[in-house]
Each structure stands twice: as structure tokens, then as C-alpha cells.
Protein backbone atom coordinates (compact mmCIF):
# COMPACT_ATOMS: atom_id res chain seq x y z
CA MET A 1 -5.54 -2.93 4.07
CA VAL A 2 -4.57 -4.89 1.26
CA GLN A 3 -7.94 -4.87 -0.64
CA ALA A 4 -8.24 -1.15 -0.35
CA ILE A 5 -4.80 -0.41 -1.48
CA GLU A 6 -5.00 -2.18 -4.60
CA SER A 7 -8.63 -0.82 -4.94
CA ILE A 8 -7.30 2.79 -4.86
CA ALA A 9 -5.34 1.99 -7.96
CA LYS A 10 -8.15 0.51 -9.71
CA SER A 11 -10.42 3.79 -9.00
CA LEU A 12 -7.24 5.91 -10.58
CA GLY A 13 -7.22 3.49 -13.45
CA LYS A 14 -4.61 2.87 -16.30
CA PRO A 15 -1.48 3.34 -15.73
CA ALA A 16 -1.67 3.68 -11.74
CA VAL A 17 -0.85 0.14 -9.95
CA ALA A 18 -0.70 -0.74 -6.53
CA THR A 19 0.14 -4.24 -5.03
CA VAL A 20 0.85 -5.67 -1.65
CA GLY A 21 3.66 -8.04 -1.51
CA LYS A 22 5.41 -9.61 1.02
CA LEU A 23 3.54 -10.26 4.01
CA SER A 24 5.27 -11.00 7.31
CA VAL A 25 2.33 -11.75 10.23
CA GLU A 26 3.75 -12.67 13.36
CA PRO A 27 2.32 -14.87 15.08
CA ASP A 28 2.06 -16.84 12.08
CA GLN A 29 -0.43 -19.13 13.27
CA ILE A 30 -3.60 -20.05 11.87
CA ASN A 31 -6.07 -19.29 14.46
CA VAL A 32 -4.63 -16.59 16.59
CA VAL A 33 -5.21 -12.98 15.19
CA PRO A 34 -2.19 -11.61 14.40
CA GLY A 35 -0.16 -8.87 16.80
CA LYS A 36 2.27 -7.42 14.20
CA VAL A 37 2.04 -7.46 10.38
CA VAL A 38 4.76 -5.74 8.02
CA PHE A 39 4.10 -5.11 4.56
CA THR A 40 5.57 -3.74 1.23
CA ILE A 41 3.71 -2.11 -1.49
CA ASP A 42 4.83 -1.36 -4.74
CA LEU A 43 3.51 1.51 -6.50
CA ARG A 44 4.12 2.47 -10.14
CA HIS A 45 2.49 5.21 -12.78
CA SER A 46 4.22 6.59 -15.14
CA ASP A 47 3.65 9.93 -14.02
CA LEU A 48 5.39 11.00 -10.92
CA GLY A 49 2.51 13.48 -10.01
CA GLY A 50 0.31 10.64 -10.51
CA ARG A 51 2.42 8.32 -8.46
CA ARG A 52 2.25 10.93 -5.65
CA ALA A 53 -1.50 11.20 -5.68
CA LEU A 54 -2.06 7.66 -5.88
CA GLU A 55 0.52 7.46 -2.94
CA GLU A 56 -1.19 10.20 -0.76
CA ARG A 57 -4.80 8.50 -1.31
CA ILE A 58 -3.27 5.06 -0.29
CA ARG A 59 -1.09 6.55 3.25
CA SER A 60 -4.63 8.40 3.80
CA LEU A 61 -6.74 5.23 3.58
CA CYS A 62 -4.54 3.28 6.19
CA LYS A 63 -4.17 5.85 8.13
CA THR A 64 -7.68 5.96 8.40
CA ILE A 65 -8.18 1.90 9.08
CA SER A 66 -5.31 2.53 11.29
CA GLN A 67 -7.68 4.89 13.47
CA GLU A 68 -10.24 3.19 12.97
CA ARG A 69 -9.66 -0.36 14.02
CA ARG A 70 -6.90 1.35 16.89
CA LEU A 71 -3.71 0.25 15.20
CA ASP A 72 -0.47 1.20 15.07
CA SER A 73 0.72 1.93 11.00
CA ARG A 74 3.96 3.22 9.86
CA PHE A 75 5.23 3.88 6.69
CA ALA A 76 8.77 3.96 5.39
CA ARG A 77 10.19 4.17 2.08
CA CYS A 78 12.84 1.13 0.76
CA ARG A 79 13.18 2.22 -2.79
CA ARG A 80 12.20 4.68 -5.35
CA SER A 81 12.95 5.39 -8.78
CA HIS A 82 11.89 7.36 -11.66
CA PRO A 83 8.59 6.79 -13.72
CA TRP A 84 9.11 4.59 -16.50
CA PRO A 85 6.33 4.27 -19.59
CA CYS A 86 6.04 1.13 -20.49
CA THR A 87 5.78 0.82 -24.40
């Protein structure tokens, strides 16, 4: 999912940006497949419609990956701010 999220933003081109930030893995062991992973996604786009499209594509892809791998996935919005173009 982490790689797919970045790839979606790259496929949309600038100014779309999507990065995975904090990862919480349980159990946090080298030789154990985690039973639970929680991560944050930072989405950025200078246009609100572009950001919504980016978010929908990411949600859709994560749901598809979850279904294919028989995983449970949930989304929770932590914060949202209005787009602000960089100058």
C-alpha cells in the first residue's frame, strides 16, 4: 500500500503529493508478520478537486489491496486544511 500510494500521486503529476508518514506495526518484531499496521497519509494538492480525486483513488486502491489480501482496512481523517498554492 505504501508504494501504491506514492505511485498514484506520481501518476497524477504535479502538484499532487502523497506520502506515508508514521507507521505503527504490531508486533514490532523483525521476524514476525505483523497482525496490525496503522499508518498516516499526507495528501497535498493546490486544487481542492485535485486533492479529492487523489484521495478517492488512494481509498479505492487500498480497498482493492485489502480485499485481495483478505485484510481489514479503515480510514479516519485526522485533519483537513484548505489547499494553499506554493509560490
